[in-house]
PDB file of N, CA and C in Angstrom:
ATOM      1  N   UNK A   1      61.287 102.693  65.997  1.00  0.00           N
ATOM      2  CA  UNK A   1      60.749 101.569  66.741  1.00  0.00           C
ATOM      3  C   UNK A   1      59.709 102.051  67.751  1.00  0.00           C
ATOM      4  N   UNK A   2      59.047 101.109  68.377  1.00  0.00           N
ATOM      5  CA  UNK A   2      58.018 101.438  69.354  1.00  0.00           C
ATOM      6  C   UNK A   2      58.612 101.782  70.706  1.00  0.00           C
ATOM      7  N   UNK A   3      57.746 102.202  71.587  1.00  0.00           N
ATOM      8  CA  UNK A   3      58.145 102.557  72.937  1.00  0.00           C
ATOM      9  C   UNK A   3      58.304 101.290  73.767  1.00  0.00           C
ATOM     10  N   UNK A   4      59.357 101.240  74.550  1.00  0.00           N
ATOM     11  CA  UNK A   4      59.576 100.089  75.424  1.00  0.00           C
ATOM     12  C   UNK A   4      58.726 100.260  76.670  1.00  0.00           C
ATOM     13  N   UNK A   5      58.039  99.200  77.043  1.00  0.00           N
ATOM     14  CA  UNK A   5      57.173  99.237  78.217  1.00  0.00           C
ATOM     15  C   UNK A   5      57.939  98.809  79.459  1.00  0.00           C
ATOM     16  N   UNK A   6      57.601  99.431  80.568  1.00  0.00           N
ATOM     17  CA  UNK A   6      58.219  99.049  81.834  1.00  0.00           C
ATOM     18  C   UNK A   6      57.598  97.740  82.315  1.00  0.00           C
ATOM     19  N   UNK A   7      58.448  96.842  82.765  1.00  0.00           N
ATOM     20  CA  UNK A   7      57.969  95.529  83.207  1.00  0.00           C
ATOM     21  C   UNK A   7      56.934  95.655  84.312  1.00  0.00           C
ATOM     22  N   UNK A   8      57.139  96.555  85.248  1.00  0.00           N
ATOM     23  CA  UNK A   8      56.181  96.718  86.353  1.00  0.00           C
ATOM     24  C   UNK A   8      54.822  97.199  85.842  1.00  0.00           C
ATOM     25  N   UNK A   9      54.832  98.069  84.834  1.00  0.00           N
ATOM     26  CA  UNK A   9      53.569  98.546  84.267  1.00  0.00           C
ATOM     27  C   UNK A   9      52.815  97.413  83.587  1.00  0.00           C
ATOM     28  N   UNK A  10      53.542  96.583  82.869  1.00  0.00           N
ATOM     29  CA  UNK A  10      52.910  95.447  82.186  1.00  0.00           C
ATOM     30  C   UNK A  10      52.341  94.471  83.210  1.00  0.00           C
ATOM     31  N   UNK A  11      53.092  94.183  84.256  1.00  0.00           N
ATOM     32  CA  UNK A  11      52.610  93.264  85.295  1.00  0.00           C
ATOM     33  C   UNK A  11      51.366  93.825  85.982  1.00  0.00           C
ATOM     34  N   UNK A  12      51.369  95.118  86.248  1.00  0.00           N
ATOM     35  CA  UNK A  12      50.214  95.757  86.891  1.00  0.00           C
ATOM     36  C   UNK A  12      49.008  95.685  85.963  1.00  0.00           C
ATOM     37  N   UNK A  13      49.224  95.930  84.665  1.00  0.00           N
ATOM     38  CA  UNK A  13      48.137  95.856  83.700  1.00  0.00           C
ATOM     39  C   UNK A  13      47.579  94.432  83.631  1.00  0.00           C
ATOM     40  N   UNK A  14      48.472  93.441  83.585  1.00  0.00           N
ATOM     41  CA  UNK A  14      48.028  92.045  83.532  1.00  0.00           C
ATOM     42  C   UNK A  14      47.227  91.668  84.771  1.00  0.00           C
ATOM     43  N   UNK A  15      47.671  92.133  85.925  1.00  0.00           N
ATOM     44  CA  UNK A  15      46.944  91.862  87.166  1.00  0.00           C
ATOM     45  C   UNK A  15      45.562  92.502  87.117  1.00  0.00           C
ATOM     46  N   UNK A  16      45.497  93.725  86.593  1.00  0.00           N
ATOM     47  CA  UNK A  16      44.203  94.394  86.447  1.00  0.00           C
ATOM     48  C   UNK A  16      43.282  93.637  85.510  1.00  0.00           C
ATOM     49  N   UNK A  17      43.830  93.104  84.425  1.00  0.00           N
ATOM     50  CA  UNK A  17      43.036  92.310  83.493  1.00  0.00           C
ATOM     51  C   UNK A  17      42.497  91.055  84.170  1.00  0.00           C
ATOM     52  N   UNK A  18      43.328  90.432  85.001  1.00  0.00           N
ATOM     53  CA  UNK A  18      42.917  89.219  85.716  1.00  0.00           C
ATOM     54  C   UNK A  18      41.764  89.534  86.673  1.00  0.00           C
ATOM     55  N   UNK A  19      41.888  90.615  87.407  1.00  0.00           N
ATOM     56  CA  UNK A  19      40.842  91.012  88.348  1.00  0.00           C
ATOM     57  C   UNK A  19      39.555  91.334  87.585  1.00  0.00           C
ATOM     58  N   UNK A  20      39.669  92.060  86.480  1.00  0.00           N
ATOM     59  CA  UNK A  20      38.493  92.413  85.679  1.00  0.00           C
ATOM     60  C   UNK A  20      37.808  91.161  85.133  1.00  0.00           C
ATOM     61  N   UNK A  21      38.590  90.202  84.673  1.00  0.00           N
ATOM     62  CA  UNK A  21      38.034  88.953  84.146  1.00  0.00           C
ATOM     63  C   UNK A  21      37.274  88.204  85.234  1.00  0.00           C
ATOM     64  N   UNK A  22      37.844  88.152  86.433  1.00  0.00           N
ATOM     65  CA  UNK A  22      37.173  87.476  87.549  1.00  0.00           C
ATOM     66  C   UNK A  22      35.868  88.185  87.904  1.00  0.00           C
ATOM     67  N   UNK A  23      35.886  89.499  87.908  1.00  0.00           N
ATOM     68  CA  UNK A  23      34.694  90.293  88.218  1.00  0.00           C
ATOM     69  C   UNK A  23      33.597  90.024  87.180  1.00  0.00           C
ATOM     70  N   UNK A  24      33.968  90.073  85.924  1.00  0.00           N
ATOM     71  CA  UNK A  24      33.005  89.846  84.846  1.00  0.00           C
ATOM     72  C   UNK A  24      32.415  88.445  84.945  1.00  0.00           C
ATOM     73  N   UNK A  25      33.240  87.463  85.248  1.00  0.00           N
ATOM     74  CA  UNK A  25      32.756  86.083  85.360  1.00  0.00           C
ATOM     75  C   UNK A  25      31.752  85.951  86.510  1.00  0.00           C
ATOM     76  N   UNK A  26      32.034  86.594  87.641  1.00  0.00           N
ATOM     77  CA  UNK A  26      31.082  86.563  88.768  1.00  0.00           C
ATOM     78  C   UNK A  26      29.763  87.229  88.380  1.00  0.00           C
ATOM     79  N   UNK A  27      29.848  88.367  87.703  1.00  0.00           N
ATOM     80  CA  UNK A  27      28.645  89.073  87.274  1.00  0.00           C
ATOM     81  C   UNK A  27      27.846  88.225  86.285  1.00  0.00           C
ATOM     82  N   UNK A  28      28.534  87.604  85.338  1.00  0.00           N
ATOM     83  CA  UNK A  28      27.871  86.776  84.333  1.00  0.00           C
ATOM     84  C   UNK A  28      27.184  85.587  84.997  1.00  0.00           C
ATOM     85  N   UNK A  29      27.889  84.943  85.904  1.00  0.00           N
ATOM     86  CA  UNK A  29      27.321  83.784  86.593  1.00  0.00           C
ATOM     87  C   UNK A  29      26.088  84.191  87.388  1.00  0.00           C
ATOM     88  N   UNK A  30      26.187  85.299  88.108  1.00  0.00           N
ATOM     89  CA  UNK A  30      25.042  85.774  88.886  1.00  0.00           C
ATOM     90  C   UNK A  30      23.839  86.069  88.013  1.00  0.00           C
ATOM     91  N   UNK A  31      24.080  86.696  86.873  1.00  0.00           N
ATOM     92  CA  UNK A  31      22.985  87.022  85.949  1.00  0.00           C
ATOM     93  C   UNK A  31      22.342  85.758  85.391  1.00  0.00           C
ATOM     94  N   UNK A  32      23.163  84.800  85.005  1.00  0.00           N
ATOM     95  CA  UNK A  32      22.625  83.563  84.422  1.00  0.00           C
ATOM     96  C   UNK A  32      21.836  82.754  85.443  1.00  0.00           C
ATOM     97  N   UNK A  33      22.280  82.772  86.692  1.00  0.00           N
ATOM     98  CA  UNK A  33      21.567  82.023  87.730  1.00  0.00           C
ATOM     99  C   UNK A  33      20.187  82.597  88.011  1.00  0.00           C
ATOM    100  N   UNK A  34      19.967  83.853  87.682  1.00  0.00           N
ATOM    101  CA  UNK A  34      18.678  84.488  87.939  1.00  0.00           C
ATOM    102  C   UNK A  34      17.663  84.261  86.820  1.00  0.00           C
ATOM    103  N   UNK A  35      18.111  83.715  85.698  1.00  0.00           N
ATOM    104  CA  UNK A  35      17.201  83.487  84.573  1.00  0.00           C
ATOM    105  C   UNK A  35      16.253  82.327  84.852  1.00  0.00           C
ATOM    106  N   UNK A  36      15.029  82.464  84.387  1.00  0.00           N
ATOM    107  CA  UNK A  36      14.093  81.342  84.458  1.00  0.00           C
ATOM    108  C   UNK A  36      14.408  80.407  83.293  1.00  0.00           C
ATOM    109  N   UNK A  37      13.930  79.171  83.359  1.00  0.00           N
ATOM    110  CA  UNK A  37      14.147  78.263  82.214  1.00  0.00           C
ATOM    111  C   UNK A  37      13.596  78.837  80.909  1.00  0.00           C
ATOM    112  N   UNK A  38      12.462  79.531  80.966  1.00  0.00           N
ATOM    113  CA  UNK A  38      11.872  80.110  79.767  1.00  0.00           C
ATOM    114  C   UNK A  38      12.765  81.226  79.210  1.00  0.00           C
ATOM    115  N   UNK A  39      13.306  82.066  80.087  1.00  0.00           N
ATOM    116  CA  UNK A  39      14.203  83.129  79.628  1.00  0.00           C
ATOM    117  C   UNK A  39      15.474  82.540  79.013  1.00  0.00           C
ATOM    118  N   UNK A  40      15.984  81.503  79.646  1.00  0.00           N
ATOM    119  CA  UNK A  40      17.189  80.849  79.126  1.00  0.00           C
ATOM    120  C   UNK A  40      16.941  80.294  77.734  1.00  0.00           C
ATOM    121  N   UNK A  41      15.820  79.636  77.541  1.00  0.00           N
ATOM    122  CA  UNK A  41      15.486  79.062  76.243  1.00  0.00           C
ATOM    123  C   UNK A  41      15.316  80.158  75.199  1.00  0.00           C
ATOM    124  N   UNK A  42      14.637  81.249  75.553  1.00  0.00           N
ATOM    125  CA  UNK A  42      14.435  82.353  74.618  1.00  0.00           C
ATOM    126  C   UNK A  42      15.775  82.930  74.161  1.00  0.00           C
ATOM    127  N   UNK A  43      16.701  83.125  75.099  1.00  0.00           N
ATOM    128  CA  UNK A  43      18.024  83.661  74.764  1.00  0.00           C
ATOM    129  C   UNK A  43      18.787  82.676  73.889  1.00  0.00           C
ATOM    130  N   UNK A  44      18.757  81.404  74.256  1.00  0.00           N
ATOM    131  CA  UNK A  44      19.450  80.379  73.478  1.00  0.00           C
ATOM    132  C   UNK A  44      18.945  80.343  72.036  1.00  0.00           C
ATOM    133  N   UNK A  45      17.626  80.328  71.869  1.00  0.00           N
ATOM    134  CA  UNK A  45      17.059  80.265  70.521  1.00  0.00           C
ATOM    135  C   UNK A  45      17.379  81.532  69.726  1.00  0.00           C
ATOM    136  N   UNK A  46      17.408  82.658  70.404  1.00  0.00           N
ATOM    137  CA  UNK A  46      17.760  83.911  69.736  1.00  0.00           C
ATOM    138  C   UNK A  46      19.206  83.870  69.245  1.00  0.00           C
ATOM    139  N   UNK A  47      20.095  83.408  70.081  1.00  0.00           N
ATOM    140  CA  UNK A  47      21.507  83.310  69.690  1.00  0.00           C
ATOM    141  C   UNK A  47      21.700  82.288  68.578  1.00  0.00           C
ATOM    142  N   UNK A  48      20.991  81.182  68.681  1.00  0.00           N
ATOM    143  CA  UNK A  48      21.106  80.140  67.659  1.00  0.00           C
ATOM    144  C   UNK A  48      20.651  80.660  66.299  1.00  0.00           C
ATOM    145  N   UNK A  49      19.632  81.499  66.292  1.00  0.00           N
ATOM    146  CA  UNK A  49      19.124  82.019  65.021  1.00  0.00           C
ATOM    147  C   UNK A  49      20.154  82.916  64.333  1.00  0.00           C
ATOM    148  N   UNK A  50      21.066  83.480  65.070  1.00  0.00           N
ATOM    149  CA  UNK A  50      22.094  84.336  64.489  1.00  0.00           C
ATOM    150  C   UNK A  50      23.092  83.547  63.645  1.00  0.00           C
ATOM    151  N   UNK A  51      23.178  82.240  63.855  1.00  0.00           N
ATOM    152  CA  UNK A  51      24.158  81.424  63.144  1.00  0.00           C
ATOM    153  C   UNK A  51      23.576  80.763  61.899  1.00  0.00           C
ATOM    154  N   UNK A  52      22.409  81.144  61.489  1.00  0.00           N
ATOM    155  CA  UNK A  52      21.761  80.509  60.341  1.00  0.00           C
ATOM    156  C   UNK A  52      22.071  81.227  59.038  1.00  0.00           C
ATOM    157  N   UNK A  53      23.315  81.627  58.840  1.00  0.00           N
ATOM    158  CA  UNK A  53      23.695  82.325  57.617  1.00  0.00           C
ATOM    159  C   UNK A  53      24.372  81.411  56.604  1.00  0.00           C
ATOM    160  N   UNK A  54      24.352  80.116  56.884  1.00  0.00           N
ATOM    161  CA  UNK A  54      24.924  79.165  55.948  1.00  0.00           C
ATOM    162  C   UNK A  54      26.402  78.874  56.169  1.00  0.00           C
ATOM    163  N   UNK A  55      27.054  79.651  57.034  1.00  0.00           N
ATOM    164  CA  UNK A  55      28.471  79.387  57.296  1.00  0.00           C
ATOM    165  C   UNK A  55      28.620  78.197  58.224  1.00  0.00           C
ATOM    166  N   UNK A  56      29.695  77.460  58.035  1.00  0.00           N
ATOM    167  CA  UNK A  56      30.017  76.345  58.919  1.00  0.00           C
ATOM    168  C   UNK A  56      30.707  76.913  60.151  1.00  0.00           C
ATOM    169  N   UNK A  57      30.029  76.926  61.269  1.00  0.00           N
ATOM    170  CA  UNK A  57      30.574  77.529  62.493  1.00  0.00           C
ATOM    171  C   UNK A  57      31.744  76.728  63.067  1.00  0.00           C
ATOM    172  N   UNK A  58      31.952  75.520  62.568  1.00  0.00           N
ATOM    173  CA  UNK A  58      33.102  74.739  63.032  1.00  0.00           C
ATOM    174  C   UNK A  58      34.390  75.222  62.373  1.00  0.00           C
ATOM    175  N   UNK A  59      34.253  76.009  61.292  1.00  0.00           N
ATOM    176  CA  UNK A  59      35.410  76.520  60.566  1.00  0.00           C
ATOM    177  C   UNK A  59      35.696  77.959  61.003  1.00  0.00           C
ATOM    178  N   UNK A  60      36.963  78.342  61.031  1.00  0.00           N
ATOM    179  CA  UNK A  60      37.280  79.722  61.407  1.00  0.00           C
ATOM    180  C   UNK A  60      36.795  80.704  60.342  1.00  0.00           C
ATOM    181  N   UNK A  61      36.617  81.933  60.752  1.00  0.00           N
ATOM    182  CA  UNK A  61      36.166  82.964  59.813  1.00  0.00           C
ATOM    183  C   UNK A  61      37.240  83.178  58.750  1.00  0.00           C
ATOM    184  N   UNK A  62      36.858  83.707  57.592  1.00  0.00           N
ATOM    185  CA  UNK A  62      37.851  83.993  56.547  1.00  0.00           C
ATOM    186  C   UNK A  62      38.947  84.945  57.034  1.00  0.00           C
ATOM    187  N   UNK A  63      38.580  85.919  57.843  1.00  0.00           N
ATOM    188  CA  UNK A  63      39.570  86.856  58.372  1.00  0.00           C
ATOM    189  C   UNK A  63      40.580  86.119  59.250  1.00  0.00           C
ATOM    190  N   UNK A  64      40.088  85.270  60.136  1.00  0.00           N
ATOM    191  CA  UNK A  64      40.988  84.516  61.008  1.00  0.00           C
ATOM    192  C   UNK A  64      41.899  83.604  60.192  1.00  0.00           C
ATOM    193  N   UNK A  65      41.361  82.981  59.155  1.00  0.00           N
ATOM    194  CA  UNK A  65      42.174  82.121  58.291  1.00  0.00           C
ATOM    195  C   UNK A  65      43.306  82.913  57.639  1.00  0.00           C
ATOM    196  N   UNK A  66      42.978  84.110  57.131  1.00  0.00           N
ATOM    197  CA  UNK A  66      44.016  84.940  56.499  1.00  0.00           C
ATOM    198  C   UNK A  66      45.056  85.398  57.510  1.00  0.00           C
ATOM    199  N   UNK A  67      44.625  85.719  58.718  1.00  0.00           N
ATOM    200  CA  UNK A  67      45.580  86.132  59.752  1.00  0.00           C
ATOM    201  C   UNK A  67      46.530  84.979  60.088  1.00  0.00           C
ATOM    202  N   UNK A  68      45.992  83.774  60.201  1.00  0.00           N
ATOM    203  CA  UNK A  68      46.831  82.615  60.489  1.00  0.00           C
ATOM    204  C   UNK A  68      47.836  82.368  59.365  1.00  0.00           C
ATOM    205  N   UNK A  69      47.379  82.503  58.112  1.00  0.00           N
ATOM    206  CA  UNK A  69      48.281  82.315  56.976  1.00  0.00           C
ATOM    207  C   UNK A  69      49.405  83.347  56.998  1.00  0.00           C
ATOM    208  N   UNK A  70      49.072  84.585  57.306  1.00  0.00           N
ATOM    209  CA  UNK A  70      50.088  85.635  57.361  1.00  0.00           C
ATOM    210  C   UNK A  70      51.104  85.345  58.462  1.00  0.00           C
ATOM    211  N   UNK A  71      50.634  84.880  59.607  1.00  0.00           N
ATOM    212  CA  UNK A  71      51.553  84.547  60.701  1.00  0.00           C
ATOM    213  C   UNK A  71      52.448  83.366  60.342  1.00  0.00           C
ATOM    214  N   UNK A  72      51.890  82.385  59.640  1.00  0.00           N
ATOM    215  CA  UNK A  72      52.701  81.244  59.201  1.00  0.00           C
ATOM    216  C   UNK A  72      53.790  81.694  58.229  1.00  0.00           C
ATOM    217  N   UNK A  73      53.444  82.571  57.279  1.00  0.00           N
ATOM    218  CA  UNK A  73      54.443  83.090  56.343  1.00  0.00           C
ATOM    219  C   UNK A  73      55.528  83.866  57.092  1.00  0.00           C
ATOM    220  N   UNK A  74      55.125  84.663  58.042  1.00  0.00           N
ATOM    221  CA  UNK A  74      56.075  85.442  58.841  1.00  0.00           C
ATOM    222  C   UNK A  74      57.023  84.510  59.598  1.00  0.00           C
ATOM    223  N   UNK A  75      56.479  83.463  60.198  1.00  0.00           N
ATOM    224  CA  UNK A  75      57.305  82.518  60.960  1.00  0.00           C
ATOM    225  C   UNK A  75      58.287  81.802  60.044  1.00  0.00           C
ATOM    226  N   UNK A  76      57.845  81.425  58.841  1.00  0.00           N
ATOM    227  CA  UNK A  76      58.747  80.746  57.899  1.00  0.00           C
ATOM    228  C   UNK A  76      59.890  81.690  57.480  1.00  0.00           C
ATOM    229  N   UNK A  77      59.574  82.953  57.227  1.00  0.00           N
ATOM    230  CA  UNK A  77      60.619  83.906  56.851  1.00  0.00           C
ATOM    231  C   UNK A  77      61.618  84.097  57.981  1.00  0.00           C
ATOM    232  N   UNK A  78      61.132  84.115  59.209  1.00  0.00           N
ATOM    233  CA  UNK A  78      62.030  84.317  60.348  1.00  0.00           C
ATOM    234  C   UNK A  78      62.952  83.105  60.554  1.00  0.00           C
ATOM    235  N   UNK A  79      62.509  81.908  60.130  1.00  0.00           N
ATOM    236  CA  UNK A  79      63.295  80.698  60.313  1.00  0.00           C
ATOM    237  C   UNK A  79      64.366  80.531  59.248  1.00  0.00           C
ATOM    238  N   UNK A  80      64.215  81.175  58.090  1.00  0.00           N
ATOM    239  CA  UNK A  80      65.180  81.029  57.010  1.00  0.00           C
ATOM    240  C   UNK A  80      66.515  81.656  57.430  1.00  0.00           C
ATOM    241  N   UNK A  81      67.623  80.930  57.168  1.00  0.00           N
ATOM    242  CA  UNK A  81      68.944  81.534  57.486  1.00  0.00           C
ATOM    243  C   UNK A  81      69.222  82.695  56.559  1.00  0.00           C
ATOM    244  N   UNK A  82      69.810  83.717  57.112  1.00  0.00           N
ATOM    245  CA  UNK A  82      70.151  84.893  56.295  1.00  0.00           C
ATOM    246  C   UNK A  82      71.433  84.658  55.549  1.00  0.00           C
ATOM    247  N   UNK A  83      71.443  85.047  54.297  1.00  0.00           N
ATOM    248  CA  UNK A  83      72.626  84.824  53.457  1.00  0.00           C
ATOM    249  C   UNK A  83      73.601  85.981  53.561  1.00  0.00           C
TER     250      UNK A  83
END
């Protein structure tokens, strides 16, 4: 089996993740506020062009679909009573 993690270590790691997320969000917001309208439009159009591969972006990727199916199968097996 795997190594058991100490609860305090996990809590400390989660707190660090929270702080990092807040820091990144502040940095991202600051960067976006400094963009001119022309720079914003250029970035938007560049990102939009990346999605022109014919895939329906409203649908999950094939990999994500397979992962979800595997998790559903796992959950169904765990729910079956053992004989």
